[in-house]
Protein backbone atom coordinates (compact mmCIF):
# COMPACT_ATOMS: atom_id res chain seq x y z
CA LEU A 1 -2.43 11.84 22.06
CA GLN A 2 -4.00 13.33 25.18
CA ARG A 3 -6.66 14.96 23.02
CA ILE A 4 -7.36 11.63 21.33
CA GLU A 5 -7.54 9.68 24.58
CA GLY A 6 -9.80 12.35 26.07
CA GLN A 7 -12.54 11.74 23.51
CA LEU A 8 -15.52 9.44 23.91
CA ASP A 9 -14.49 5.78 24.04
CA GLY A 10 -15.77 5.04 20.54
CA ASP A 11 -13.97 8.01 19.00
CA SER A 12 -10.76 7.26 20.87
CA LYS A 13 -10.84 3.63 19.69
CA LEU A 14 -11.48 4.67 16.10
CA ALA A 15 -8.61 7.16 16.19
CA ARG A 16 -6.27 4.52 17.55
CA GLU A 17 -7.25 2.14 14.74
CA VAL A 18 -6.81 4.79 12.06
CA LEU A 19 -3.38 5.80 13.35
CA SER A 20 -2.34 2.15 13.60
CA TRP A 21 -3.32 1.41 10.02
CA ILE A 22 -1.49 4.46 8.70
CA THR A 23 1.61 3.81 10.81
CA PHE A 24 1.95 0.07 10.16
CA ALA A 25 0.71 -0.15 6.56
CA LYS A 26 3.33 -1.38 4.11
CA ARG A 27 2.33 1.29 1.61
CA PRO A 28 0.17 4.43 1.71
CA LEU A 29 -3.55 3.67 1.92
CA THR A 30 -6.32 5.39 0.02
CA THR A 31 -9.36 6.63 1.87
CA ALA A 32 -11.45 3.86 0.27
CA GLU A 33 -8.98 1.20 1.44
CA ILE A 34 -8.78 2.32 5.05
CA CYS A 35 -12.55 2.77 5.30
CA CYS A 36 -13.10 -0.79 4.04
CA ALA A 37 -10.44 -2.16 6.38
CA LEU A 38 -12.05 -0.47 9.37
CA ALA A 39 -15.43 -1.95 8.45
CA VAL A 40 -14.20 -5.56 8.61
CA GLU A 41 -15.12 -7.47 11.76
CA PRO A 42 -13.97 -10.94 12.93
CA ASN A 43 -15.75 -13.84 11.21
CA ASP A 44 -17.35 -11.60 8.57
CA THR A 45 -18.06 -13.33 5.27
CA GLU A 46 -18.90 -10.13 3.43
CA LEU A 47 -18.46 -6.41 3.94
CA ASP A 48 -21.24 -4.74 5.92
CA LEU A 49 -21.70 -1.45 4.08
CA GLU A 50 -23.28 0.10 7.18
CA ASN A 51 -19.98 -0.36 9.03
CA ILE A 52 -17.99 1.74 6.55
CA PRO A 53 -17.08 5.02 8.29
CA ASP A 54 -17.06 8.46 6.71
CA ILE A 55 -13.58 9.71 5.92
CA GLU A 56 -14.45 13.06 7.51
CA ASP A 57 -15.02 11.25 10.81
CA LEU A 58 -11.63 9.54 10.59
CA VAL A 59 -9.85 12.83 10.10
CA SER A 60 -11.85 14.48 12.87
CA VAL A 61 -11.21 11.90 15.60
CA CYS A 62 -7.47 11.97 14.88
CA ALA A 63 -7.30 15.54 16.16
CA GLY A 64 -5.19 17.08 13.44
CA LEU A 65 -2.69 14.21 13.14
CA VAL A 66 -3.88 12.97 9.74
CA VAL A 67 -4.66 14.61 6.42
CA VAL A 68 -6.06 13.47 3.08
CA ASP A 69 -4.28 14.33 -0.16
CA PRO A 70 -7.06 15.70 -2.41
CA GLU A 71 -5.39 14.51 -5.63
CA SER A 72 -4.37 10.96 -4.71
CA ALA A 73 -6.99 10.36 -1.98
CA ILE A 74 -4.17 9.02 0.19
CA ILE A 75 -4.68 9.35 3.94
CA ARG A 76 -1.46 10.00 5.81
CA LEU A 77 0.01 11.46 8.95
CA VAL A 78 0.39 15.21 8.86
CA HIS A 79 4.21 15.11 8.98
CA TYR A 80 6.93 12.47 8.64
CA THR A 81 8.07 13.19 12.19
CA THR A 82 4.65 12.04 13.37
CA GLN A 83 5.21 8.74 11.55
CA ASP A 84 8.61 8.34 13.24
CA TYR A 85 7.09 9.08 16.62
CA PHE A 86 4.32 6.49 16.32
CA GLU A 87 6.75 3.86 15.05
CA LYS A 88 8.98 4.44 18.09
CA ILE A 89 6.16 4.12 20.61
CA SER A 90 4.23 1.41 18.74
CA ASN A 91 4.98 -1.43 21.15
CA ALA A 92 3.68 0.51 24.12
CA TRP A 93 0.93 2.40 22.31
CA ASN A 94 -0.61 -0.42 20.27
CA PRO A 95 1.26 -3.73 20.61
CA SER A 96 -1.45 -5.72 18.82
CA ALA A 97 -1.50 -3.61 15.65
CA ASN A 98 0.10 -6.20 13.35
CA LEU A 99 -2.20 -8.91 14.71
CA HIS A 100 -5.28 -6.80 14.04
CA ILE A 101 -4.10 -5.90 10.53
CA THR A 102 -3.24 -9.51 9.68
CA THR A 103 -6.56 -10.91 10.88
CA THR A 104 -8.41 -8.17 9.02
CA CYS A 105 -6.58 -9.02 5.79
CA LEU A 106 -7.20 -12.76 6.19
CA THR A 107 -10.87 -12.23 7.01
CA TYR A 108 -11.23 -10.07 3.90
CA LEU A 109 -9.44 -12.60 1.67
CA SER A 110 -11.83 -15.28 2.94
CA PHE A 111 -14.99 -13.39 1.93
CA SER A 112 -17.66 -15.37 0.10
CA ALA A 113 -17.25 -13.11 -2.93
CA PHE A 114 -13.86 -14.69 -3.61
CA GLN A 115 -14.99 -18.31 -3.32
CA ASP A 116 -15.26 -18.43 -7.11
CA GLY A 117 -11.49 -18.26 -7.44
CA SER A 118 -9.51 -16.17 -9.90
CA CYS A 119 -11.07 -14.06 -12.65
CA SER A 120 -10.95 -15.44 -16.19
CA THR A 121 -10.93 -12.12 -18.08
CA ASP A 122 -9.29 -8.71 -17.76
CA ARG A 123 -12.70 -7.09 -17.41
CA GLU A 124 -13.74 -9.36 -14.55
CA PHE A 125 -10.45 -8.77 -12.78
CA LYS A 126 -10.67 -4.99 -13.07
CA GLU A 127 -14.24 -5.07 -11.81
CA ARG A 128 -13.25 -7.25 -8.85
CA LEU A 129 -10.55 -4.79 -7.82
CA GLN A 130 -12.84 -1.79 -8.30
CA GLN A 131 -15.67 -3.35 -6.30
CA ASN A 132 -13.45 -4.68 -3.50
CA LYS A 133 -11.23 -1.76 -2.56
CA PHE A 134 -9.22 -3.52 0.13
CA LEU A 135 -8.45 -6.65 -1.91
CA ASP A 136 -5.20 -5.38 -3.43
CA TYR A 137 -3.67 -4.48 -0.07
CA ALA A 138 -4.88 -7.63 1.69
CA ALA A 139 -3.52 -10.02 -0.94
CA LYS A 140 -0.18 -8.29 -1.39
CA HIS A 141 0.71 -7.46 2.19
CA TRP A 142 -0.99 -9.77 4.70
CA GLY A 143 2.05 -12.02 4.72
CA GLU A 144 4.37 -9.17 5.66
CA HIS A 145 2.25 -8.38 8.70
CA ALA A 146 1.85 -12.08 9.52
CA THR A 147 5.60 -12.56 9.96
CA TRP A 148 5.24 -10.80 13.33
CA VAL A 149 2.24 -12.81 14.55
CA GLU A 150 2.43 -16.24 12.92
CA THR A 151 1.50 -18.13 16.07
CA GLU A 152 -1.63 -16.05 16.66
CA VAL A 153 -2.91 -16.28 13.06
CA PHE A 154 -1.76 -19.85 12.41
CA SER A 155 -5.20 -21.47 12.11
CA GLN A 156 -6.78 -18.64 10.13
CA ALA A 157 -3.86 -18.43 7.69
CA CYS A 158 -3.70 -22.20 7.15
CA TRP A 159 -7.43 -22.38 6.52
CA MET A 160 -7.36 -19.62 3.89
CA LEU A 161 -4.32 -21.04 2.09
CA LEU A 162 -5.83 -24.53 1.90
CA GLN A 163 -9.02 -23.26 0.23
CA SER A 164 -7.99 -23.61 -3.42
CA ASN A 165 -10.36 -20.96 -4.79
CA LEU A 166 -9.47 -18.39 -2.13
CA LEU A 167 -5.79 -19.05 -2.77
CA SER A 168 -6.35 -18.69 -6.52
CA CYS A 169 -8.03 -15.31 -6.03
CA ALA A 170 -5.30 -14.04 -3.69
CA THR A 171 -2.54 -15.30 -5.99
CA GLN A 172 -3.94 -13.46 -9.00
CA VAL A 173 -4.10 -10.19 -7.09
CA LEU A 174 -0.64 -10.73 -5.59
CA LEU A 175 1.12 -11.40 -8.88
CA VAL A 176 -0.73 -9.36 -11.51
CA THR A 177 1.08 -6.03 -11.33
CA ASP A 178 -0.34 -4.11 -14.29
CA ILE A 179 -3.83 -4.68 -15.63
CA ASN A 180 -3.57 -2.08 -18.40
CA TYR A 181 -2.03 -4.53 -20.86
CA GLU A 182 -4.28 -6.95 -22.72
CA SER A 183 -4.55 -10.40 -21.09
CA LYS A 184 -2.22 -9.31 -18.28
CA SER A 185 -4.71 -10.58 -15.72
CA GLN A 186 -4.05 -14.13 -16.95
CA SER A 187 -0.26 -13.82 -17.09
CA TYR A 188 0.83 -14.96 -13.65
CA ALA A 189 2.14 -18.10 -11.97
CA LYS A 190 -0.43 -20.33 -10.29
CA LEU A 191 0.87 -21.04 -6.80
CA THR A 192 0.51 -23.83 -4.27
CA PRO A 193 0.02 -22.86 -0.61
CA LEU A 194 3.72 -23.56 -0.04
CA HIS A 195 4.79 -21.20 -2.83
CA TYR A 196 2.65 -18.50 -1.23
CA THR A 197 4.18 -18.91 2.22
CA ALA A 198 7.66 -19.05 0.65
CA ARG A 199 6.96 -15.68 -0.96
CA PHE A 200 6.54 -14.16 2.51
CA GLY A 201 8.85 -16.42 4.52
CA LEU A 202 6.14 -17.78 6.81
CA CYS A 203 7.91 -20.72 8.45
CA GLY A 204 5.34 -21.30 11.19
CA VAL A 205 2.33 -21.33 8.88
CA THR A 206 4.19 -23.60 6.47
CA LYS A 207 4.48 -26.32 9.09
CA GLY A 208 0.69 -26.35 9.21
CA ILE A 209 0.17 -26.80 5.46
CA LEU A 210 2.88 -29.37 4.70
CA PRO A 211 1.45 -32.84 4.01
CA GLU A 212 2.13 -35.51 6.59
CA GLY A 213 4.68 -38.19 5.72
CA ASP A 214 8.27 -37.71 4.58
CA GLU A 215 7.65 -38.59 0.94
CA ARG A 216 4.60 -36.32 0.55
CA ALA A 217 6.39 -33.46 2.31
CA THR A 218 9.42 -33.85 0.04
CA ASN A 219 7.19 -33.83 -3.03
CA ALA A 220 5.50 -30.67 -1.77
CA VAL A 221 8.72 -28.74 -1.13
CA ASN A 222 9.98 -29.65 -4.59
CA SER A 223 6.72 -28.87 -6.38
CA GLN A 224 6.71 -26.31 -9.17
CA ASP A 225 4.25 -23.53 -9.82
CA SER A 226 2.73 -23.18 -13.29
CA TRP A 227 5.87 -21.33 -14.44
CA GLY A 228 8.21 -24.01 -13.16
CA LYS A 229 9.45 -22.25 -10.01
CA THR A 230 9.95 -24.08 -6.72
CA PRO A 231 9.23 -22.77 -3.20
CA LEU A 232 13.00 -22.70 -2.60
CA LEU A 233 13.43 -20.32 -5.53
CA TYR A 234 10.76 -18.01 -4.08
CA ALA A 235 12.40 -18.08 -0.65
CA ALA A 236 15.85 -17.38 -2.09
CA ARG A 237 14.63 -14.62 -4.39
CA HIS A 238 12.92 -12.79 -1.53
CA GLY A 239 15.74 -13.26 0.96
CA HIS A 240 14.00 -15.58 3.41
CA VAL A 241 16.99 -17.48 4.79
CA LYS A 242 15.17 -19.29 7.60
CA PHE A 243 12.48 -20.42 5.21
CA ALA A 244 15.09 -21.75 2.81
CA GLN A 245 16.68 -23.65 5.69
CA LEU A 246 13.29 -25.16 6.55
CA LEU A 247 12.86 -26.36 2.98
CA LEU A 248 16.35 -27.84 2.90
CA GLU A 249 15.59 -29.74 6.09
CA LYS A 250 12.57 -31.17 4.26
CA ASN A 251 14.83 -32.37 1.40
CA ALA A 252 14.36 -29.50 -1.02
CA ASP A 253 16.50 -30.02 -4.14
CA VAL A 254 18.84 -27.02 -4.50
CA ASN A 255 19.73 -28.10 -8.03
CA ALA A 256 16.15 -28.37 -9.26
CA GLN A 257 15.88 -26.50 -12.54
CA CYS A 258 13.10 -23.94 -12.66
CA GLY A 259 12.85 -23.46 -16.41
CA GLN A 260 14.21 -20.11 -17.57
CA TYR A 261 14.76 -19.11 -13.94
CA GLY A 262 17.58 -21.61 -13.37
CA ASN A 263 17.86 -23.03 -9.87
CA ALA A 264 17.59 -21.52 -6.41
CA LEU A 265 21.36 -21.07 -6.17
């Protein structure tokens, strides 16, 4: 760390960001993913290709702490003990890491390129993922990071979720798990904003997207996605107890039948 901090300010900052992404990421990142993530700046509406760093520079500024697997193109810390160390000192070393990651993901998901909504064919969907390397991670994991910083990202998260086309794009990426089967890109549940927050247990953000008025709020919490599942079922399935309690306080029906999925109980 002393070697990293002793570098030029720009190099030291870049190293800190790289190590934060690797340490806090919910799954291993490819070199393409981390380079795209590092290129995103607040309020961007598209990716500035000139901001994308060279992977060689990322490895260099980290002073021997990271390596790239040549076969998988995964960038990782040199040893698992290094990962343990950074996790232990994370609060002191980079307390705003989850906030930075969450805002980066939300900014990316709000790019103009996704304003068209979900893709209507397998080919379009594959091309979207290939052309937008960070989209898979952003859609599938922003909510996990947001659980730590809901207050700080409240406005940004609510805005993205209430844009129907952006939500449609993010939902497709979140729920389509294997694009190698024919028509798989169209086989997923279409979610409301409340279903999406239930998937991640985002109680704070949910209070910002619930309609005003008791009757409208009750209708929202008992709404079904296109496969018949309620937000309460999502919360229960993913173990979000506090979120389930929030829904029950808003008159969620525990006995509501969700098609072949039964009820939330």
